[in-house]
N, C-alpha and C. Protein backbone atom coordinates (compact mmCIF):
# COMPACT_ATOMS: atom_id res chain seq x y z
N TYR A 1 0.80 -1.20 0.00
CA TYR A 1 0.00 0.00 0.00
C TYR A 1 0.85 1.27 0.00
N HIS A 2 2.13 1.15 0.29
CA HIS A 2 2.98 2.34 0.30
C HIS A 2 3.06 2.99 -1.07
N ILE A 3 3.14 2.17 -2.09
CA ILE A 3 3.24 2.72 -3.45
C ILE A 3 1.96 3.46 -3.82
N PHE A 4 0.81 2.96 -3.34
CA PHE A 4 -0.47 3.61 -3.61
C PHE A 4 -0.51 5.00 -2.97
N ILE A 5 0.02 5.11 -1.77
CA ILE A 5 0.06 6.42 -1.09
C ILE A 5 0.99 7.37 -1.84
N ILE A 6 2.11 6.87 -2.31
CA ILE A 6 3.04 7.69 -3.08
C ILE A 6 2.38 8.16 -4.38
N VAL A 7 1.66 7.27 -5.04
CA VAL A 7 0.96 7.64 -6.28
C VAL A 7 -0.08 8.72 -5.99
N ILE A 8 -0.80 8.60 -4.89
CA ILE A 8 -1.78 9.63 -4.53
C ILE A 8 -1.10 10.97 -4.30
N LEU A 9 0.01 10.97 -3.57
CA LEU A 9 0.72 12.22 -3.29
C LEU A 9 1.25 12.87 -4.57
N ILE A 10 1.79 12.07 -5.46
CA ILE A 10 2.28 12.60 -6.75
C ILE A 10 1.12 13.15 -7.57
N THR A 11 0.00 12.44 -7.55
CA THR A 11 -1.18 12.90 -8.28
C THR A 11 -1.70 14.22 -7.73
N ILE A 12 -1.66 14.39 -6.41
CA ILE A 12 -2.07 15.65 -5.80
C ILE A 12 -1.19 16.80 -6.29
N ILE A 13 0.11 16.58 -6.33
CA ILE A 13 1.03 17.63 -6.78
C ILE A 13 0.79 17.97 -8.25
N ILE A 14 0.68 16.95 -9.09
CA ILE A 14 0.42 17.18 -10.51
C ILE A 14 -0.93 17.88 -10.71
N ALA A 15 -1.95 17.43 -9.96
CA ALA A 15 -3.28 18.03 -10.07
C ALA A 15 -3.26 19.50 -9.67
N PHE A 16 -2.52 19.82 -8.62
CA PHE A 16 -2.46 21.21 -8.17
C PHE A 16 -1.94 22.12 -9.27
N PHE A 17 -0.84 21.73 -9.90
CA PHE A 17 -0.27 22.56 -10.96
C PHE A 17 -1.15 22.55 -12.21
N SER A 18 -1.71 21.40 -12.54
CA SER A 18 -2.57 21.30 -13.73
C SER A 18 -3.82 22.15 -13.59
N ILE A 19 -4.47 22.07 -12.44
CA ILE A 19 -5.68 22.85 -12.22
C ILE A 19 -5.35 24.34 -12.18
N SER A 20 -4.24 24.70 -11.58
CA SER A 20 -3.82 26.11 -11.54
C SER A 20 -3.65 26.67 -12.94
N ILE A 21 -2.99 25.91 -13.79
CA ILE A 21 -2.76 26.36 -15.17
C ILE A 21 -4.07 26.40 -15.94
N TYR A 22 -4.88 25.36 -15.81
CA TYR A 22 -6.12 25.26 -16.58
C TYR A 22 -7.12 26.35 -16.21
N THR A 23 -7.17 26.73 -14.94
CA THR A 23 -8.17 27.70 -14.49
C THR A 23 -7.59 29.09 -14.27
N TYR A 24 -6.40 29.32 -14.76
CA TYR A 24 -5.70 30.59 -14.50
C TYR A 24 -6.56 31.81 -14.82
N SER A 25 -7.15 31.85 -16.00
CA SER A 25 -7.92 33.03 -16.41
C SER A 25 -9.42 32.87 -16.19
N SER A 26 -9.82 31.80 -15.57
CA SER A 26 -11.24 31.54 -15.34
C SER A 26 -11.66 32.03 -13.96
N PRO A 27 -12.79 32.72 -13.86
CA PRO A 27 -13.26 33.15 -12.53
C PRO A 27 -13.76 31.97 -11.69
N GLU A 28 -14.25 30.94 -12.33
CA GLU A 28 -14.74 29.74 -11.63
C GLU A 28 -13.63 28.70 -11.63
N LYS A 29 -13.10 28.38 -10.45
CA LYS A 29 -11.97 27.44 -10.36
C LYS A 29 -12.41 25.98 -10.31
N ASP A 30 -13.56 25.69 -9.73
CA ASP A 30 -14.02 24.29 -9.61
C ASP A 30 -14.96 23.97 -10.77
N ARG A 31 -14.36 23.82 -11.93
CA ARG A 31 -15.14 23.57 -13.15
C ARG A 31 -15.52 22.10 -13.25
N SER A 32 -16.63 21.83 -13.92
CA SER A 32 -17.17 20.47 -13.97
C SER A 32 -16.27 19.50 -14.74
N GLU A 33 -15.48 19.99 -15.67
CA GLU A 33 -14.61 19.10 -16.43
C GLU A 33 -13.37 18.67 -15.65
N ILE A 34 -13.13 19.27 -14.51
CA ILE A 34 -12.00 18.88 -13.66
C ILE A 34 -12.47 17.74 -12.76
N VAL A 35 -11.91 16.55 -12.99
CA VAL A 35 -12.33 15.38 -12.22
C VAL A 35 -11.17 14.72 -11.46
N ILE A 36 -9.96 15.22 -11.65
CA ILE A 36 -8.82 14.59 -10.97
C ILE A 36 -8.96 14.70 -9.46
N ASP A 37 -9.62 15.76 -8.98
CA ASP A 37 -9.84 15.90 -7.54
C ASP A 37 -10.76 14.81 -7.01
N GLU A 38 -11.73 14.39 -7.82
CA GLU A 38 -12.61 13.28 -7.44
C GLU A 38 -11.82 11.96 -7.40
N VAL A 39 -10.94 11.79 -8.35
CA VAL A 39 -10.11 10.58 -8.39
C VAL A 39 -9.24 10.50 -7.13
N ILE A 40 -8.66 11.63 -6.76
CA ILE A 40 -7.82 11.68 -5.56
C ILE A 40 -8.64 11.34 -4.32
N GLY A 41 -9.79 11.97 -4.19
CA GLY A 41 -10.64 11.73 -3.02
C GLY A 41 -11.11 10.30 -2.92
N GLN A 42 -11.52 9.70 -4.05
CA GLN A 42 -11.96 8.31 -4.02
C GLN A 42 -10.80 7.37 -3.74
N SER A 43 -9.62 7.70 -4.22
CA SER A 43 -8.44 6.88 -3.93
C SER A 43 -8.14 6.87 -2.43
N ILE A 44 -8.28 8.03 -1.81
CA ILE A 44 -8.07 8.11 -0.36
C ILE A 44 -9.14 7.30 0.37
N ALA A 45 -10.38 7.38 -0.11
CA ALA A 45 -11.48 6.64 0.52
C ALA A 45 -11.27 5.13 0.44
N LEU A 46 -10.54 4.67 -0.56
CA LEU A 46 -10.28 3.23 -0.74
C LEU A 46 -9.09 2.73 0.07
N LEU A 47 -8.28 3.61 0.62
CA LEU A 47 -7.07 3.21 1.34
C LEU A 47 -7.31 2.19 2.46
N PRO A 48 -8.36 2.31 3.26
CA PRO A 48 -8.55 1.31 4.32
C PRO A 48 -8.65 -0.13 3.79
N LEU A 49 -9.15 -0.30 2.58
CA LEU A 49 -9.23 -1.65 2.01
C LEU A 49 -7.83 -2.24 1.82
N LEU A 50 -6.87 -1.37 1.50
CA LEU A 50 -5.49 -1.86 1.38
C LEU A 50 -4.88 -2.14 2.74
N PHE A 51 -5.15 -1.29 3.71
CA PHE A 51 -4.59 -1.48 5.05
C PHE A 51 -5.10 -2.75 5.70
N PHE A 52 -6.36 -3.10 5.43
CA PHE A 52 -6.95 -4.29 6.05
C PHE A 52 -6.90 -5.51 5.14
N SER A 53 -6.20 -5.43 4.04
CA SER A 53 -6.18 -6.53 3.07
C SER A 53 -5.49 -7.78 3.61
N GLU A 54 -4.64 -7.62 4.61
CA GLU A 54 -3.97 -8.79 5.20
C GLU A 54 -4.92 -9.61 6.06
N THR A 55 -5.89 -8.92 6.68
CA THR A 55 -6.82 -9.63 7.57
C THR A 55 -8.15 -9.95 6.90
N THR A 56 -8.60 -9.07 6.03
CA THR A 56 -9.85 -9.32 5.30
C THR A 56 -9.62 -8.97 3.84
N SER A 57 -10.08 -9.81 2.96
CA SER A 57 -9.87 -9.52 1.55
C SER A 57 -10.91 -8.50 1.09
N PRO A 58 -10.45 -7.44 0.42
CA PRO A 58 -11.39 -6.43 -0.05
C PRO A 58 -12.28 -7.02 -1.15
N ASP A 59 -13.55 -6.81 -1.03
CA ASP A 59 -14.45 -7.32 -2.06
C ASP A 59 -15.17 -6.15 -2.73
N PHE A 60 -15.89 -6.47 -3.78
CA PHE A 60 -16.58 -5.46 -4.58
C PHE A 60 -17.57 -4.67 -3.72
N PHE A 61 -18.24 -5.34 -2.81
CA PHE A 61 -19.22 -4.69 -1.95
C PHE A 61 -18.58 -3.56 -1.13
N MET A 62 -17.42 -3.80 -0.58
CA MET A 62 -16.75 -2.78 0.23
C MET A 62 -16.26 -1.62 -0.65
N CYS A 63 -15.92 -1.90 -1.88
CA CYS A 63 -15.55 -0.82 -2.80
C CYS A 63 -16.75 0.08 -3.08
N ILE A 64 -17.91 -0.52 -3.25
CA ILE A 64 -19.14 0.25 -3.46
C ILE A 64 -19.47 1.07 -2.22
N ILE A 65 -19.32 0.46 -1.04
CA ILE A 65 -19.56 1.18 0.22
C ILE A 65 -18.62 2.39 0.31
N SER A 66 -17.36 2.21 -0.05
CA SER A 66 -16.39 3.30 -0.04
C SER A 66 -16.84 4.42 -0.99
N LEU A 67 -17.29 4.05 -2.16
CA LEU A 67 -17.78 5.03 -3.14
C LEU A 67 -18.98 5.79 -2.58
N LEU A 68 -19.92 5.09 -1.96
CA LEU A 68 -21.11 5.73 -1.41
C LEU A 68 -20.74 6.70 -0.28
N PHE A 69 -19.82 6.30 0.59
CA PHE A 69 -19.37 7.20 1.65
C PHE A 69 -18.73 8.46 1.05
N PHE A 70 -17.86 8.25 0.06
CA PHE A 70 -17.19 9.39 -0.55
C PHE A 70 -18.18 10.32 -1.22
N ARG A 71 -19.10 9.76 -2.00
CA ARG A 71 -20.08 10.60 -2.69
C ARG A 71 -20.96 11.35 -1.69
N PHE A 72 -21.31 10.71 -0.58
CA PHE A 72 -22.11 11.38 0.45
C PHE A 72 -21.38 12.63 0.94
N PHE A 73 -20.13 12.48 1.35
CA PHE A 73 -19.39 13.62 1.87
C PHE A 73 -19.09 14.65 0.79
N ASP A 74 -18.90 14.19 -0.45
CA ASP A 74 -18.61 15.10 -1.55
C ASP A 74 -19.84 15.92 -1.93
N ILE A 75 -21.02 15.36 -1.81
CA ILE A 75 -22.25 16.07 -2.17
C ILE A 75 -22.78 16.91 -1.01
N VAL A 76 -22.85 16.32 0.18
CA VAL A 76 -23.41 17.02 1.34
C VAL A 76 -22.46 18.11 1.84
N LYS A 77 -21.18 17.84 1.78
CA LYS A 77 -20.12 18.77 2.20
C LYS A 77 -20.34 19.33 3.61
N PRO A 78 -20.30 18.45 4.62
CA PRO A 78 -20.42 18.96 5.99
C PRO A 78 -19.17 19.76 6.37
N TYR A 79 -19.27 20.47 7.49
CA TYR A 79 -18.12 21.22 7.99
C TYR A 79 -16.98 20.26 8.31
N PRO A 80 -15.79 20.51 7.97
CA PRO A 80 -15.16 21.68 7.36
C PRO A 80 -15.03 21.59 5.84
N ILE A 81 -15.57 20.53 5.24
CA ILE A 81 -15.46 20.37 3.78
C ILE A 81 -16.06 21.58 3.07
N ASN A 82 -17.20 22.07 3.55
CA ASN A 82 -17.87 23.19 2.89
C ASN A 82 -17.02 24.46 2.90
N LYS A 83 -16.19 24.63 3.91
CA LYS A 83 -15.32 25.81 3.97
C LYS A 83 -14.30 25.81 2.84
N PHE A 84 -13.75 24.64 2.55
CA PHE A 84 -12.76 24.54 1.47
C PHE A 84 -13.43 24.59 0.10
N ASP A 85 -14.65 24.08 0.01
CA ASP A 85 -15.38 24.10 -1.24
C ASP A 85 -15.68 25.54 -1.68
N LYS A 86 -15.86 26.44 -0.74
CA LYS A 86 -16.21 27.83 -1.04
C LYS A 86 -15.00 28.71 -1.34
N MET A 87 -13.80 28.17 -1.26
CA MET A 87 -12.59 28.97 -1.41
C MET A 87 -12.40 29.50 -2.84
N ASN A 88 -12.86 28.78 -3.84
CA ASN A 88 -12.71 29.14 -5.25
C ASN A 88 -11.25 29.39 -5.64
N ASN A 89 -10.39 28.48 -5.20
CA ASN A 89 -9.01 28.48 -5.66
C ASN A 89 -8.56 27.02 -5.80
N THR A 90 -7.39 26.82 -6.35
CA THR A 90 -6.92 25.47 -6.63
C THR A 90 -6.84 24.62 -5.37
N PHE A 91 -6.36 25.19 -4.29
CA PHE A 91 -6.26 24.45 -3.04
C PHE A 91 -7.64 23.96 -2.60
N GLY A 92 -8.64 24.84 -2.65
CA GLY A 92 -9.99 24.46 -2.27
C GLY A 92 -10.59 23.40 -3.17
N VAL A 93 -10.32 23.49 -4.48
CA VAL A 93 -10.83 22.50 -5.43
C VAL A 93 -10.35 21.10 -5.06
N ILE A 94 -9.09 20.99 -4.71
CA ILE A 94 -8.51 19.67 -4.40
C ILE A 94 -8.80 19.26 -2.95
N PHE A 95 -8.66 20.20 -2.02
CA PHE A 95 -8.69 19.82 -0.61
C PHE A 95 -10.08 19.42 -0.12
N ASP A 96 -11.16 19.96 -0.71
CA ASP A 96 -12.48 19.53 -0.27
C ASP A 96 -12.69 18.05 -0.58
N ASP A 97 -12.15 17.58 -1.71
CA ASP A 97 -12.27 16.16 -2.06
C ASP A 97 -11.31 15.30 -1.24
N ILE A 98 -10.16 15.85 -0.89
CA ILE A 98 -9.24 15.12 -0.01
C ILE A 98 -9.92 14.89 1.35
N LEU A 99 -10.56 15.93 1.88
CA LEU A 99 -11.26 15.79 3.16
C LEU A 99 -12.43 14.81 3.06
N ALA A 100 -13.17 14.88 1.96
CA ALA A 100 -14.27 13.92 1.77
C ALA A 100 -13.72 12.49 1.73
N GLY A 101 -12.57 12.31 1.11
CA GLY A 101 -11.92 11.00 1.08
C GLY A 101 -11.45 10.56 2.45
N VAL A 102 -10.91 11.48 3.23
CA VAL A 102 -10.43 11.16 4.58
C VAL A 102 -11.62 10.78 5.48
N PHE A 103 -12.69 11.57 5.42
CA PHE A 103 -13.88 11.25 6.23
C PHE A 103 -14.42 9.87 5.84
N SER A 104 -14.48 9.61 4.55
CA SER A 104 -14.96 8.31 4.05
C SER A 104 -14.06 7.18 4.52
N ALA A 105 -12.76 7.41 4.47
CA ALA A 105 -11.80 6.39 4.90
C ALA A 105 -11.95 6.09 6.39
N LEU A 106 -12.19 7.12 7.18
CA LEU A 106 -12.38 6.91 8.62
C LEU A 106 -13.62 6.07 8.90
N ILE A 107 -14.71 6.37 8.22
CA ILE A 107 -15.95 5.60 8.44
C ILE A 107 -15.78 4.17 7.91
N LEU A 108 -15.12 4.02 6.76
CA LEU A 108 -14.88 2.69 6.23
C LEU A 108 -13.99 1.89 7.17
N THR A 109 -13.01 2.54 7.78
CA THR A 109 -12.15 1.86 8.75
C THR A 109 -12.98 1.35 9.93
N LEU A 110 -13.86 2.19 10.44
CA LEU A 110 -14.74 1.75 11.53
C LEU A 110 -15.61 0.57 11.10
N ALA A 111 -16.11 0.62 9.87
CA ALA A 111 -16.93 -0.48 9.35
C ALA A 111 -16.12 -1.77 9.25
N LEU A 112 -14.86 -1.66 8.87
CA LEU A 112 -14.02 -2.84 8.73
C LEU A 112 -13.59 -3.41 10.09
N ILE A 113 -13.46 -2.53 11.08
CA ILE A 113 -13.07 -3.00 12.42
C ILE A 113 -14.23 -3.72 13.10
N PHE A 114 -15.42 -3.17 12.95
CA PHE A 114 -16.58 -3.74 13.64
C PHE A 114 -17.42 -4.50 12.68
């Protein structure tokens, strides 16, 4: 799972610069065609499946549960996710999805433990 974390970190860095360049002259920074932030968030939400893969094998059902948790937090945007969503800059575009992924990963971890 270490390589997966490294890939996520590299993707975050590349996404930050790519989104900055793409939205440089646009007043709206979180454009609908930008989806790399969703990929990053969902990847983070799936991390617990890798951490627990030695004790429980990840199955398709748990991947769907991870997706549902991530989409819930990404759509509802509870505090503090909503604060980053309203920033209208590259950091906010990426970080609200990172937080949604972290919240999802925490709940998925609890589901896997119990």
